[in-house]
C-alpha atoms as a PDB file:
ATOM      1  CA  UNK A   1      -4.210  -0.203 -13.849  1.00  0.00           C
ATOM      2  CA  UNK A   2      -6.066   3.050 -13.357  1.00  0.00           C
ATOM      3  CA  UNK A   3      -3.347   5.701 -12.986  1.00  0.00           C
ATOM      4  CA  UNK A   4       0.221   6.559 -13.918  1.00  0.00           C
ATOM      5  CA  UNK A   5       1.459   5.687 -10.432  1.00  0.00           C
ATOM      6  CA  UNK A   6      -0.036   2.209 -10.727  1.00  0.00           C
ATOM      7  CA  UNK A   7       1.970   1.644 -13.914  1.00  0.00           C
ATOM      8  CA  UNK A   8       5.109   2.557 -12.000  1.00  0.00           C
ATOM      9  CA  UNK A   9       4.130   0.371  -9.046  1.00  0.00           C
ATOM     10  CA  UNK A  10       3.588  -2.827 -11.035  1.00  0.00           C
ATOM     11  CA  UNK A  11       6.055  -2.430 -13.928  1.00  0.00           C
ATOM     12  CA  UNK A  12       9.024  -4.139 -12.255  1.00  0.00           C
ATOM     13  CA  UNK A  13       7.084  -7.150 -10.992  1.00  0.00           C
ATOM     14  CA  UNK A  14       5.439  -7.520 -14.417  1.00  0.00           C
ATOM     15  CA  UNK A  15       8.838  -7.574 -16.090  1.00  0.00           C
ATOM     16  CA  UNK A  16      10.069 -10.107 -13.531  1.00  0.00           C
ATOM     17  CA  UNK A  17       7.141 -12.398 -14.296  1.00  0.00           C
ATOM     18  CA  UNK A  18       7.759 -12.058 -18.033  1.00  0.00           C
ATOM     19  CA  UNK A  19      11.476 -12.779 -17.570  1.00  0.00           C
ATOM     20  CA  UNK A  20      10.432 -16.007 -15.829  1.00  0.00           C
ATOM     21  CA  UNK A  21       8.444 -16.941 -18.958  1.00  0.00           C
ATOM     22  CA  UNK A  22       5.133 -15.999 -17.368  1.00  0.00           C
ATOM     23  CA  UNK A  23       2.251 -14.335 -19.163  1.00  0.00           C
ATOM     24  CA  UNK A  24       0.690 -11.095 -17.973  1.00  0.00           C
ATOM     25  CA  UNK A  25      -2.528  -9.521 -19.219  1.00  0.00           C
ATOM     26  CA  UNK A  26      -2.586  -5.809 -18.435  1.00  0.00           C
ATOM     27  CA  UNK A  27      -5.961  -4.070 -18.298  1.00  0.00           C
ATOM     28  CA  UNK A  28      -5.381  -0.321 -18.224  1.00  0.00           C
ATOM     29  CA  UNK A  29      -7.702   2.657 -17.965  1.00  0.00           C
ATOM     30  CA  UNK A  30      -7.453   5.294 -20.664  1.00  0.00           C
ATOM     31  CA  UNK A  31      -6.768   8.066 -18.192  1.00  0.00           C
ATOM     32  CA  UNK A  32      -4.111  10.763 -18.135  1.00  0.00           C
ATOM     33  CA  UNK A  33      -0.763   9.388 -19.246  1.00  0.00           C
ATOM     34  CA  UNK A  34      -1.386   5.816 -18.084  1.00  0.00           C
ATOM     35  CA  UNK A  35      -1.315   4.297 -21.565  1.00  0.00           C
ATOM     36  CA  UNK A  36       1.619   6.481 -22.615  1.00  0.00           C
ATOM     37  CA  UNK A  37       3.711   5.184 -19.708  1.00  0.00           C
ATOM     38  CA  UNK A  38       2.866   1.586 -20.571  1.00  0.00           C
ATOM     39  CA  UNK A  39       4.086   2.193 -24.110  1.00  0.00           C
ATOM     40  CA  UNK A  40       7.283   3.777 -22.782  1.00  0.00           C
ATOM     41  CA  UNK A  41       7.845   0.631 -20.714  1.00  0.00           C
ATOM     42  CA  UNK A  42       7.223  -1.600 -23.726  1.00  0.00           C
ATOM     43  CA  UNK A  43       4.236  -3.296 -22.058  1.00  0.00           C
ATOM     44  CA  UNK A  44       1.225  -4.433 -24.069  1.00  0.00           C
ATOM     45  CA  UNK A  45      -2.213  -3.779 -22.632  1.00  0.00           C
ATOM     46  CA  UNK A  46      -5.971  -3.828 -23.128  1.00  0.00           C
ATOM     47  CA  UNK A  47      -7.453  -0.383 -22.550  1.00  0.00           C
ATOM     48  CA  UNK A  48     -10.823   0.547 -21.104  1.00  0.00           C
ATOM     49  CA  UNK A  49     -12.618   3.772 -20.306  1.00  0.00           C
ATOM     50  CA  UNK A  50     -14.321   4.570 -17.028  1.00  0.00           C
ATOM     51  CA  UNK A  51     -17.330   6.684 -16.196  1.00  0.00           C
ATOM     52  CA  UNK A  52     -16.336  10.337 -16.243  1.00  0.00           C
ATOM     53  CA  UNK A  53     -18.689  11.658 -13.559  1.00  0.00           C
ATOM     54  CA  UNK A  54     -17.324  11.066 -10.067  1.00  0.00           C
ATOM     55  CA  UNK A  55     -20.645  10.335  -8.379  1.00  0.00           C
ATOM     56  CA  UNK A  56     -21.327   7.493 -10.826  1.00  0.00           C
ATOM     57  CA  UNK A  57     -17.867   5.956 -10.671  1.00  0.00           C
ATOM     58  CA  UNK A  58     -18.980   3.108  -8.360  1.00  0.00           C
ATOM     59  CA  UNK A  59     -20.907   1.811 -11.396  1.00  0.00           C
ATOM     60  CA  UNK A  60     -17.537   0.979 -12.939  1.00  0.00           C
ATOM     61  CA  UNK A  61     -17.672  -2.191 -10.831  1.00  0.00           C
ATOM     62  CA  UNK A  62     -20.434  -3.482 -13.105  1.00  0.00           C
ATOM     63  CA  UNK A  63     -18.141  -3.059 -16.112  1.00  0.00           C
ATOM     64  CA  UNK A  64     -15.427  -5.098 -14.386  1.00  0.00           C
ATOM     65  CA  UNK A  65     -17.976  -7.769 -13.504  1.00  0.00           C
ATOM     66  CA  UNK A  66     -18.975  -8.103 -17.150  1.00  0.00           C
ATOM     67  CA  UNK A  67     -15.314  -8.244 -18.177  1.00  0.00           C
ATOM     68  CA  UNK A  68     -14.632 -10.986 -15.623  1.00  0.00           C
ATOM     69  CA  UNK A  69     -17.490 -13.072 -17.004  1.00  0.00           C
ATOM     70  CA  UNK A  70     -16.152 -12.526 -20.520  1.00  0.00           C
ATOM     71  CA  UNK A  71     -12.650 -13.861 -19.798  1.00  0.00           C
ATOM     72  CA  UNK A  72     -13.532 -16.530 -17.241  1.00  0.00           C
ATOM     73  CA  UNK A  73     -13.509 -19.413 -19.700  1.00  0.00           C
ATOM     74  CA  UNK A  74     -10.981 -18.058 -22.216  1.00  0.00           C
ATOM     75  CA  UNK A  75      -8.057 -17.426 -19.851  1.00  0.00           C
ATOM     76  CA  UNK A  76      -6.458 -19.520 -17.125  1.00  0.00           C
ATOM     77  CA  UNK A  77      -5.743 -16.852 -14.552  1.00  0.00           C
ATOM     78  CA  UNK A  78      -3.502 -17.700 -11.604  1.00  0.00           C
ATOM     79  CA  UNK A  79      -3.743 -14.390  -9.799  1.00  0.00           C
ATOM     80  CA  UNK A  80      -5.170 -10.911 -10.349  1.00  0.00           C
ATOM     81  CA  UNK A  81      -3.279  -7.953  -8.910  1.00  0.00           C
ATOM     82  CA  UNK A  82      -4.404  -4.380  -8.606  1.00  0.00           C
ATOM     83  CA  UNK A  83      -5.304  -1.423  -6.404  1.00  0.00           C
ATOM     84  CA  UNK A  84      -9.008  -1.639  -5.832  1.00  0.00           C
ATOM     85  CA  UNK A  85     -12.273  -3.435  -5.962  1.00  0.00           C
ATOM     86  CA  UNK A  86     -12.133  -3.801  -9.757  1.00  0.00           C
ATOM     87  CA  UNK A  87      -9.262  -6.301  -9.541  1.00  0.00           C
ATOM     88  CA  UNK A  88     -10.947  -8.163  -6.701  1.00  0.00           C
ATOM     89  CA  UNK A  89     -14.245  -8.446  -8.598  1.00  0.00           C
ATOM     90  CA  UNK A  90     -12.581  -9.834 -11.723  1.00  0.00           C
ATOM     91  CA  UNK A  91     -10.695 -12.396  -9.628  1.00  0.00           C
ATOM     92  CA  UNK A  92     -13.849 -13.445  -7.781  1.00  0.00           C
ATOM     93  CA  UNK A  93     -15.803 -13.962 -10.988  1.00  0.00           C
ATOM     94  CA  UNK A  94     -12.929 -15.981 -12.449  1.00  0.00           C
ATOM     95  CA  UNK A  95     -12.540 -18.116  -9.288  1.00  0.00           C
ATOM     96  CA  UNK A  96      -8.911 -17.161  -8.852  1.00  0.00           C
ATOM     97  CA  UNK A  97      -6.703 -15.502  -6.211  1.00  0.00           C
ATOM     98  CA  UNK A  98      -6.309 -11.757  -5.905  1.00  0.00           C
ATOM     99  CA  UNK A  99      -3.694  -9.488  -4.375  1.00  0.00           C
ATOM    100  CA  UNK A 100      -4.825  -5.895  -3.880  1.00  0.00           C
ATOM    101  CA  UNK A 101      -2.811  -3.028  -2.420  1.00  0.00           C
ATOM    102  CA  UNK A 102      -4.460  -0.093  -0.680  1.00  0.00           C
ATOM    103  CA  UNK A 103      -3.065   2.794   1.345  1.00  0.00           C
ATOM    104  CA  UNK A 104      -6.268   4.850   1.492  1.00  0.00           C
ATOM    105  CA  UNK A 105      -8.233   4.630   4.718  1.00  0.00           C
ATOM    106  CA  UNK A 106     -11.163   7.022   3.998  1.00  0.00           C
ATOM    107  CA  UNK A 107     -12.825   4.733   1.410  1.00  0.00           C
ATOM    108  CA  UNK A 108     -14.797   2.665   3.880  1.00  0.00           C
ATOM    109  CA  UNK A 109     -17.218   1.058   1.426  1.00  0.00           C
ATOM    110  CA  UNK A 110     -14.474  -0.071  -0.957  1.00  0.00           C
ATOM    111  CA  UNK A 111     -12.303  -1.389   1.864  1.00  0.00           C
ATOM    112  CA  UNK A 112     -15.261  -3.355   3.212  1.00  0.00           C
ATOM    113  CA  UNK A 113     -15.833  -4.886  -0.220  1.00  0.00           C
ATOM    114  CA  UNK A 114     -12.154  -5.801  -0.413  1.00  0.00           C
ATOM    115  CA  UNK A 115     -12.551  -7.858   2.768  1.00  0.00           C
ATOM    116  CA  UNK A 116     -15.292  -9.853   1.060  1.00  0.00           C
ATOM    117  CA  UNK A 117     -13.708 -10.347  -2.361  1.00  0.00           C
ATOM    118  CA  UNK A 118      -9.894 -10.384  -1.926  1.00  0.00           C
ATOM    119  CA  UNK A 119      -7.487 -13.186  -1.158  1.00  0.00           C
ATOM    120  CA  UNK A 120      -4.812 -10.817   0.154  1.00  0.00           C
ATOM    121  CA  UNK A 121      -5.045  -7.110   1.013  1.00  0.00           C
ATOM    122  CA  UNK A 122      -1.647  -5.458   1.297  1.00  0.00           C
ATOM    123  CA  UNK A 123      -1.346  -2.192   3.216  1.00  0.00           C
ATOM    124  CA  UNK A 124       1.551  -0.157   4.618  1.00  0.00           C
ATOM    125  CA  UNK A 125       2.406  -1.016   8.222  1.00  0.00           C
ATOM    126  CA  UNK A 126       1.189   2.481   9.203  1.00  0.00           C
ATOM    127  CA  UNK A 127      -2.292   1.826   7.783  1.00  0.00           C
ATOM    128  CA  UNK A 128      -4.811   2.812  10.443  1.00  0.00           C
ATOM    129  CA  UNK A 129      -7.676   0.429   9.683  1.00  0.00           C
ATOM    130  CA  UNK A 130      -7.995  -3.257  10.540  1.00  0.00           C
ATOM    131  CA  UNK A 131      -9.162  -5.086   7.406  1.00  0.00           C
ATOM    132  CA  UNK A 132      -9.299  -8.536   8.982  1.00  0.00           C
ATOM    133  CA  UNK A 133      -7.260 -11.703   8.554  1.00  0.00           C
ATOM    134  CA  UNK A 134      -6.706 -11.119   4.822  1.00  0.00           C
ATOM    135  CA  UNK A 135      -4.679  -7.994   5.534  1.00  0.00           C
ATOM    136  CA  UNK A 136      -0.891  -8.079   5.362  1.00  0.00           C
ATOM    137  CA  UNK A 137       0.848  -4.976   6.703  1.00  0.00           C
ATOM    138  CA  UNK A 138       4.209  -4.358   5.061  1.00  0.00           C
ATOM    139  CA  UNK A 139       7.051  -2.028   6.130  1.00  0.00           C
ATOM    140  CA  UNK A 140       6.996  -0.073   2.906  1.00  0.00           C
ATOM    141  CA  UNK A 141       5.056   2.287   0.655  1.00  0.00           C
ATOM    142  CA  UNK A 142       3.880   1.498  -2.867  1.00  0.00           C
ATOM    143  CA  UNK A 143       6.177   4.280  -4.108  1.00  0.00           C
ATOM    144  CA  UNK A 144       9.174   2.190  -3.017  1.00  0.00           C
ATOM    145  CA  UNK A 145       8.216  -0.320  -5.717  1.00  0.00           C
ATOM    146  CA  UNK A 146       9.755   2.092  -8.233  1.00  0.00           C
ATOM    147  CA  UNK A 147      11.670   4.801  -6.339  1.00  0.00           C
ATOM    148  CA  UNK A 148      13.742   2.656  -3.983  1.00  0.00           C
ATOM    149  CA  UNK A 149      17.472   3.326  -4.609  1.00  0.00           C
ATOM    150  CA  UNK A 150      17.849  -0.249  -5.897  1.00  0.00           C
ATOM    151  CA  UNK A 151      15.450   0.631  -8.721  1.00  0.00           C
ATOM    152  CA  UNK A 152      15.811   4.343  -9.411  1.00  0.00           C
ATOM    153  CA  UNK A 153      18.899   6.392 -10.304  1.00  0.00           C
ATOM    154  CA  UNK A 154      18.218  10.118 -10.781  1.00  0.00           C
ATOM    155  CA  UNK A 155      19.367  11.716 -14.028  1.00  0.00           C
ATOM    156  CA  UNK A 156      20.531  15.320 -13.737  1.00  0.00           C
ATOM    157  CA  UNK A 157      20.984  15.819 -17.495  1.00  0.00           C
ATOM    158  CA  UNK A 158      17.297  16.671 -17.776  1.00  0.00           C
ATOM    159  CA  UNK A 159      17.845  19.894 -15.865  1.00  0.00           C
ATOM    160  CA  UNK A 160      19.795  21.442 -18.724  1.00  0.00           C
ATOM    161  CA  UNK A 161      16.885  20.687 -21.076  1.00  0.00           C
ATOM    162  CA  UNK A 162      14.654  22.714 -18.764  1.00  0.00           C
ATOM    163  CA  UNK A 163      17.147  25.561 -18.668  1.00  0.00           C
ATOM    164  CA  UNK A 164      18.077  24.912 -15.059  1.00  0.00           C
ATOM    165  CA  UNK A 165      21.663  25.629 -14.124  1.00  0.00           C
ATOM    166  CA  UNK A 166      23.489  23.495 -11.574  1.00  0.00           C
ATOM    167  CA  UNK A 167      22.388  24.206  -7.966  1.00  0.00           C
ATOM    168  CA  UNK A 168      19.553  26.477  -9.112  1.00  0.00           C
ATOM    169  CA  UNK A 169      16.567  26.122  -6.815  1.00  0.00           C
ATOM    170  CA  UNK A 170      13.178  25.335  -8.280  1.00  0.00           C
ATOM    171  CA  UNK A 171       9.771  24.253  -7.011  1.00  0.00           C
ATOM    172  CA  UNK A 172       7.515  21.601  -8.502  1.00  0.00           C
ATOM    173  CA  UNK A 173       3.782  22.144  -8.134  1.00  0.00           C
ATOM    174  CA  UNK A 174       1.537  19.153  -8.775  1.00  0.00           C
ATOM    175  CA  UNK A 175      -2.224  19.573  -9.057  1.00  0.00           C
ATOM    176  CA  UNK A 176      -4.659  16.681  -8.796  1.00  0.00           C
ATOM    177  CA  UNK A 177      -7.754  16.204 -10.981  1.00  0.00           C
ATOM    178  CA  UNK A 178      -9.744  14.583  -8.137  1.00  0.00           C
ATOM    179  CA  UNK A 179     -11.615  12.229 -10.461  1.00  0.00           C
ATOM    180  CA  UNK A 180     -10.938   8.880  -8.764  1.00  0.00           C
ATOM    181  CA  UNK A 181     -13.424   6.936  -6.640  1.00  0.00           C
ATOM    182  CA  UNK A 182     -11.596   7.889  -3.448  1.00  0.00           C
ATOM    183  CA  UNK A 183     -11.693  11.576  -4.501  1.00  0.00           C
ATOM    184  CA  UNK A 184     -15.484  11.888  -4.269  1.00  0.00           C
ATOM    185  CA  UNK A 185     -16.380  14.949  -2.141  1.00  0.00           C
ATOM    186  CA  UNK A 186     -12.724  16.031  -2.058  1.00  0.00           C
ATOM    187  CA  UNK A 187     -11.106  19.121  -3.498  1.00  0.00           C
ATOM    188  CA  UNK A 188      -7.654  20.603  -3.801  1.00  0.00           C
ATOM    189  CA  UNK A 189      -6.284  24.078  -4.471  1.00  0.00           C
ATOM    190  CA  UNK A 190      -8.730  26.500  -6.068  1.00  0.00           C
ATOM    191  CA  UNK A 191      -7.556  28.517  -9.063  1.00  0.00           C
ATOM    192  CA  UNK A 192      -7.309  31.583  -6.850  1.00  0.00           C
ATOM    193  CA  UNK A 193      -5.110  29.713  -4.377  1.00  0.00           C
ATOM    194  CA  UNK A 194      -2.847  28.445  -7.179  1.00  0.00           C
ATOM    195  CA  UNK A 195      -2.411  31.947  -8.584  1.00  0.00           C
ATOM    196  CA  UNK A 196      -1.699  33.348  -5.117  1.00  0.00           C
ATOM    197  CA  UNK A 197       0.954  30.721  -4.375  1.00  0.00           C
ATOM    198  CA  UNK A 198       2.713  31.400  -7.658  1.00  0.00           C
ATOM    199  CA  UNK A 199       2.498  35.168  -7.224  1.00  0.00           C
ATOM    200  CA  UNK A 200       4.248  34.933  -3.844  1.00  0.00           C
ATOM    201  CA  UNK A 201       6.867  32.322  -4.757  1.00  0.00           C
ATOM    202  CA  UNK A 202       7.797  33.136  -8.376  1.00  0.00           C
ATOM    203  CA  UNK A 203       9.969  36.154  -7.444  1.00  0.00           C
ATOM    204  CA  UNK A 204      12.064  33.860  -5.201  1.00  0.00           C
ATOM    205  CA  UNK A 205      12.565  30.741  -7.300  1.00  0.00           C
ATOM    206  CA  UNK A 206      11.677  29.010 -10.545  1.00  0.00           C
ATOM    207  CA  UNK A 207       8.377  27.152 -10.648  1.00  0.00           C
ATOM    208  CA  UNK A 208       7.270  24.205 -12.777  1.00  0.00           C
ATOM    209  CA  UNK A 209       3.692  22.944 -12.743  1.00  0.00           C
ATOM    210  CA  UNK A 210       2.624  19.370 -13.416  1.00  0.00           C
ATOM    211  CA  UNK A 211      -1.148  19.140 -13.586  1.00  0.00           C
ATOM    212  CA  UNK A 212      -3.753  16.457 -14.249  1.00  0.00           C
ATOM    213  CA  UNK A 213      -6.136  19.141 -15.482  1.00  0.00           C
ATOM    214  CA  UNK A 214      -5.589  21.858 -18.123  1.00  0.00           C
ATOM    215  CA  UNK A 215      -4.000  24.977 -16.716  1.00  0.00           C
ATOM    216  CA  UNK A 216      -5.660  28.349 -16.966  1.00  0.00           C
ATOM    217  CA  UNK A 217      -4.016  31.110 -18.995  1.00  0.00           C
ATOM    218  CA  UNK A 218      -3.037  32.833 -15.734  1.00  0.00           C
ATOM    219  CA  UNK A 219      -0.508  30.122 -14.836  1.00  0.00           C
ATOM    220  CA  UNK A 220       0.050  28.179 -18.070  1.00  0.00           C
ATOM    221  CA  UNK A 221       3.482  29.756 -18.582  1.00  0.00           C
ATOM    222  CA  UNK A 222       4.767  27.638 -15.675  1.00  0.00           C
ATOM    223  CA  UNK A 223       3.674  24.299 -17.147  1.00  0.00           C
ATOM    224  CA  UNK A 224       6.312  21.554 -17.090  1.00  0.00           C
ATOM    225  CA  UNK A 225       7.006  20.341 -20.630  1.00  0.00           C
ATOM    226  CA  UNK A 226       9.229  17.335 -19.928  1.00  0.00           C
ATOM    227  CA  UNK A 227       8.231  13.797 -20.951  1.00  0.00           C
ATOM    228  CA  UNK A 228       5.875  12.180 -18.459  1.00  0.00           C
ATOM    229  CA  UNK A 229       8.303   9.384 -17.588  1.00  0.00           C
ATOM    230  CA  UNK A 230      10.904  11.962 -16.468  1.00  0.00           C
ATOM    231  CA  UNK A 231       8.946  13.548 -13.632  1.00  0.00           C
ATOM    232  CA  UNK A 232      10.683  11.639 -10.824  1.00  0.00           C
ATOM    233  CA  UNK A 233      14.137  12.732 -12.000  1.00  0.00           C
ATOM    234  CA  UNK A 234      12.980  16.334 -11.957  1.00  0.00           C
ATOM    235  CA  UNK A 235      11.299  15.847  -8.587  1.00  0.00           C
ATOM    236  CA  UNK A 236      14.485  14.399  -7.065  1.00  0.00           C
ATOM    237  CA  UNK A 237      16.462  17.567  -7.843  1.00  0.00           C
ATOM    238  CA  UNK A 238      13.703  20.014  -6.814  1.00  0.00           C
ATOM    239  CA  UNK A 239      14.064  22.161  -3.709  1.00  0.00           C
ATOM    240  CA  UNK A 240      10.426  21.691  -2.801  1.00  0.00           C
ATOM    241  CA  UNK A 241       7.163  20.081  -3.878  1.00  0.00           C
ATOM    242  CA  UNK A 242       3.812  21.795  -3.353  1.00  0.00           C
ATOM    243  CA  UNK A 243       0.865  19.558  -4.119  1.00  0.00           C
ATOM    244  CA  UNK A 244      -2.687  18.458  -3.410  1.00  0.00           C
ATOM    245  CA  UNK A 245      -1.870  14.955  -4.731  1.00  0.00           C
ATOM    246  CA  UNK A 246      -0.997  12.434  -2.041  1.00  0.00           C
ATOM    247  CA  UNK A 247       0.926  10.019  -4.241  1.00  0.00           C
ATOM    248  CA  UNK A 248       3.387  12.631  -5.444  1.00  0.00           C
ATOM    249  CA  UNK A 249       3.874  13.864  -1.876  1.00  0.00           C
ATOM    250  CA  UNK A 250       4.962  10.355  -0.930  1.00  0.00           C
ATOM    251  CA  UNK A 251       7.144  10.103  -4.046  1.00  0.00           C
ATOM    252  CA  UNK A 252       8.914  13.311  -3.044  1.00  0.00           C
ATOM    253  CA  UNK A 253       9.360  12.020   0.503  1.00  0.00           C
ATOM    254  CA  UNK A 254      11.063   8.764  -0.494  1.00  0.00           C
ATOM    255  CA  UNK A 255      13.310  10.786  -2.835  1.00  0.00           C
ATOM    256  CA  UNK A 256      14.295  13.176  -0.029  1.00  0.00           C
ATOM    257  CA  UNK A 257      12.544  16.209  -1.495  1.00  0.00           C
ATOM    258  CA  UNK A 258      10.495  18.156   1.078  1.00  0.00           C
ATOM    259  CA  UNK A 259       6.784  18.035   0.278  1.00  0.00           C
ATOM    260  CA  UNK A 260       4.024  20.418   1.316  1.00  0.00           C
ATOM    261  CA  UNK A 261       0.709  18.587   0.999  1.00  0.00           C
ATOM    262  CA  UNK A 262      -2.623  20.399   0.920  1.00  0.00           C
ATOM    263  CA  UNK A 263      -5.126  17.777   2.077  1.00  0.00           C
ATOM    264  CA  UNK A 264      -7.880  18.851   4.489  1.00  0.00           C
ATOM    265  CA  UNK A 265      -8.426  15.318   5.849  1.00  0.00           C
ATOM    266  CA  UNK A 266      -4.745  14.317   5.986  1.00  0.00           C
ATOM    267  CA  UNK A 267      -5.106  13.114   9.580  1.00  0.00           C
ATOM    268  CA  UNK A 268      -7.128  10.143   8.314  1.00  0.00           C
ATOM    269  CA  UNK A 269      -4.158   8.733   6.360  1.00  0.00           C
ATOM    270  CA  UNK A 270      -1.588   6.618   8.158  1.00  0.00           C
ATOM    271  CA  UNK A 271       1.135   7.124   5.561  1.00  0.00           C
ATOM    272  CA  UNK A 272       0.987  10.933   5.683  1.00  0.00           C
ATOM    273  CA  UNK A 273       0.883  10.907   9.474  1.00  0.00           C
ATOM    274  CA  UNK A 274       4.012   8.732   9.475  1.00  0.00           C
ATOM    275  CA  UNK A 275       5.854  10.676   6.777  1.00  0.00           C
ATOM    276  CA  UNK A 276       5.236  13.890   8.711  1.00  0.00           C
ATOM    277  CA  UNK A 277       5.434  12.730  12.333  1.00  0.00           C
ATOM    278  CA  UNK A 278       8.174  10.098  12.179  1.00  0.00           C
ATOM    279  CA  UNK A 279      10.310  11.163   9.225  1.00  0.00           C
ATOM    280  CA  UNK A 280       9.620  14.893   8.794  1.00  0.00           C
ATOM    281  CA  UNK A 281       9.600  14.560   5.010  1.00  0.00           C
ATOM    282  CA  UNK A 282       6.023  15.689   4.354  1.00  0.00           C
ATOM    283  CA  UNK A 283       4.290  18.693   5.898  1.00  0.00           C
ATOM    284  CA  UNK A 284       0.485  18.458   5.792  1.00  0.00           C
ATOM    285  CA  UNK A 285      -1.920  21.403   5.727  1.00  0.00           C
ATOM    286  CA  UNK A 286      -5.638  22.040   5.613  1.00  0.00           C
ATOM    287  CA  UNK A 287      -5.089  25.748   4.976  1.00  0.00           C
ATOM    288  CA  UNK A 288      -3.305  27.084   1.874  1.00  0.00           C
ATOM    289  CA  UNK A 289      -2.044  30.212   3.646  1.00  0.00           C
ATOM    290  CA  UNK A 290      -0.272  28.120   6.279  1.00  0.00           C
ATOM    291  CA  UNK A 291       1.228  26.052   3.475  1.00  0.00           C
ATOM    292  CA  UNK A 292       2.483  29.206   1.755  1.00  0.00           C
ATOM    293  CA  UNK A 293       4.073  30.419   4.987  1.00  0.00           C
ATOM    294  CA  UNK A 294       5.963  27.114   5.300  1.00  0.00           C
ATOM    295  CA  UNK A 295       7.044  27.277   1.656  1.00  0.00           C
ATOM    296  CA  UNK A 296       8.472  30.764   2.138  1.00  0.00           C
ATOM    297  CA  UNK A 297      10.307  29.527   5.209  1.00  0.00           C
ATOM    298  CA  UNK A 298      11.822  26.460   3.537  1.00  0.00           C
ATOM    299  CA  UNK A 299      12.838  28.014   0.230  1.00  0.00           C
ATOM    300  CA  UNK A 300      15.263  30.294   2.075  1.00  0.00           C
ATOM    301  CA  UNK A 301      17.122  27.455   3.832  1.00  0.00           C
ATOM    302  CA  UNK A 302      20.601  27.014   2.348  1.00  0.00           C
ATOM    303  CA  UNK A 303      21.028  23.408   3.531  1.00  0.00           C
ATOM    304  CA  UNK A 304      17.417  22.399   2.989  1.00  0.00           C
ATOM    305  CA  UNK A 305      17.988  19.258   0.918  1.00  0.00           C
ATOM    306  CA  UNK A 306      20.830  18.073   3.148  1.00  0.00           C
ATOM    307  CA  UNK A 307      18.507  17.965   6.153  1.00  0.00           C
ATOM    308  CA  UNK A 308      15.802  16.111   4.255  1.00  0.00           C
ATOM    309  CA  UNK A 309      18.327  13.733   2.737  1.00  0.00           C
ATOM    310  CA  UNK A 310      19.255  12.670   6.264  1.00  0.00           C
ATOM    311  CA  UNK A 311      15.596  12.046   7.056  1.00  0.00           C
ATOM    312  CA  UNK A 312      15.289  10.031   3.859  1.00  0.00           C
ATOM    313  CA  UNK A 313      18.207   7.831   4.901  1.00  0.00           C
ATOM    314  CA  UNK A 314      16.405   7.026   8.144  1.00  0.00           C
ATOM    315  CA  UNK A 315      13.259   6.106   6.209  1.00  0.00           C
ATOM    316  CA  UNK A 316      15.159   3.832   3.832  1.00  0.00           C
ATOM    317  CA  UNK A 317      16.739   1.974   6.744  1.00  0.00           C
ATOM    318  CA  UNK A 318      13.291   1.188   8.122  1.00  0.00           C
ATOM    319  CA  UNK A 319      11.443   0.475   4.869  1.00  0.00           C
ATOM    320  CA  UNK A 320      12.024  -2.239   2.286  1.00  0.00           C
ATOM    321  CA  UNK A 321      12.007  -2.407  -1.494  1.00  0.00           C
ATOM    322  CA  UNK A 322       8.336  -3.131  -2.180  1.00  0.00           C
ATOM    323  CA  UNK A 323       9.215  -5.427  -5.062  1.00  0.00           C
ATOM    324  CA  UNK A 324      10.771  -7.888  -2.640  1.00  0.00           C
ATOM    325  CA  UNK A 325       7.326  -8.303  -1.088  1.00  0.00           C
ATOM    326  CA  UNK A 326       5.570  -8.448  -4.450  1.00  0.00           C
ATOM    327  CA  UNK A 327       8.007 -11.122  -5.584  1.00  0.00           C
ATOM    328  CA  UNK A 328       7.401 -13.225  -2.490  1.00  0.00           C
ATOM    329  CA  UNK A 329       3.617 -12.985  -2.706  1.00  0.00           C
ATOM    330  CA  UNK A 330       3.025 -13.007  -6.444  1.00  0.00           C
ATOM    331  CA  UNK A 331       5.961 -14.694  -8.166  1.00  0.00           C
ATOM    332  CA  UNK A 332       7.085 -17.188  -5.529  1.00  0.00           C
ATOM    333  CA  UNK A 333       3.546 -17.387  -4.089  1.00  0.00           C
ATOM    334  CA  UNK A 334       4.915 -18.293  -0.650  1.00  0.00           C
ATOM    335  CA  UNK A 335       1.916 -16.918   1.185  1.00  0.00           C
ATOM    336  CA  UNK A 336      -0.594 -18.695  -1.046  1.00  0.00           C
ATOM    337  CA  UNK A 337       1.114 -22.013  -0.290  1.00  0.00           C
ATOM    338  CA  UNK A 338       0.285 -21.471   3.382  1.00  0.00           C
ATOM    339  CA  UNK A 339      -3.443 -20.806   2.788  1.00  0.00           C
END
């Protein structure tokens, strides 16, 4: 596990395996709040650190290779699950099966390596690239492994802790650190753009910022102070999300909260194209001024969340609880029996 969202994605299937008397070894990167979330979930783990400089992050594969060699003869692995080439490399070294999920098209080198190393590559059905006969397209998003209504019940009591009265509008802003492999050569909002957005929107509504990087003094007063495992409850009740982080944009969408995503190459991503074009739950921008204009438009709608809730209902009718697929592939191993 490399990120907080990956903890959320796998936590239910891990608990299902454990409830069936299975053993799970969790290898987790010491990054952000990843380890904190694992502790909140009561899940034991082995931690590791990755290379800090983005351009050298591909060298992390060598560290996973060494780890795979280390555990090959000490553990009897049945399957390795994960989100990238690291999981696939460990599985290959240990001569075992691997199930890797990806929803990121613009990482051509990593996706090519996945075709060589993986047993199964899971992608959303809207994924644009053909990854060969190992690819399984599923009618879901990874975020529905933890935010599907069967798994997530929003808690409104947190709003009082934040000083938010009932029916008070507020905006969540989420800023990405852009330090993952797939973030190389990518950037989000500049500090000037963040300050400008807040300056224009703060007189109209309350603002809370969740950030993967330390906030400057100019905007630190808006920092969200809630526990990290509470963010989805707060996001559910928000009037709007403004973000340069794709995962949280999708999280907002499946919760029915309108999301404004600043991502210059958004057209390369099948999930954002679908969430915007088919469901109207995410609005994508490559220009921060256009995003601001849309935010000013939406924040003044009285029935804003009602409209997006309807769109969410349509999405949930067409998408499935991701854990049903994980259970079939990983716990019941139906697909492996056919290989």
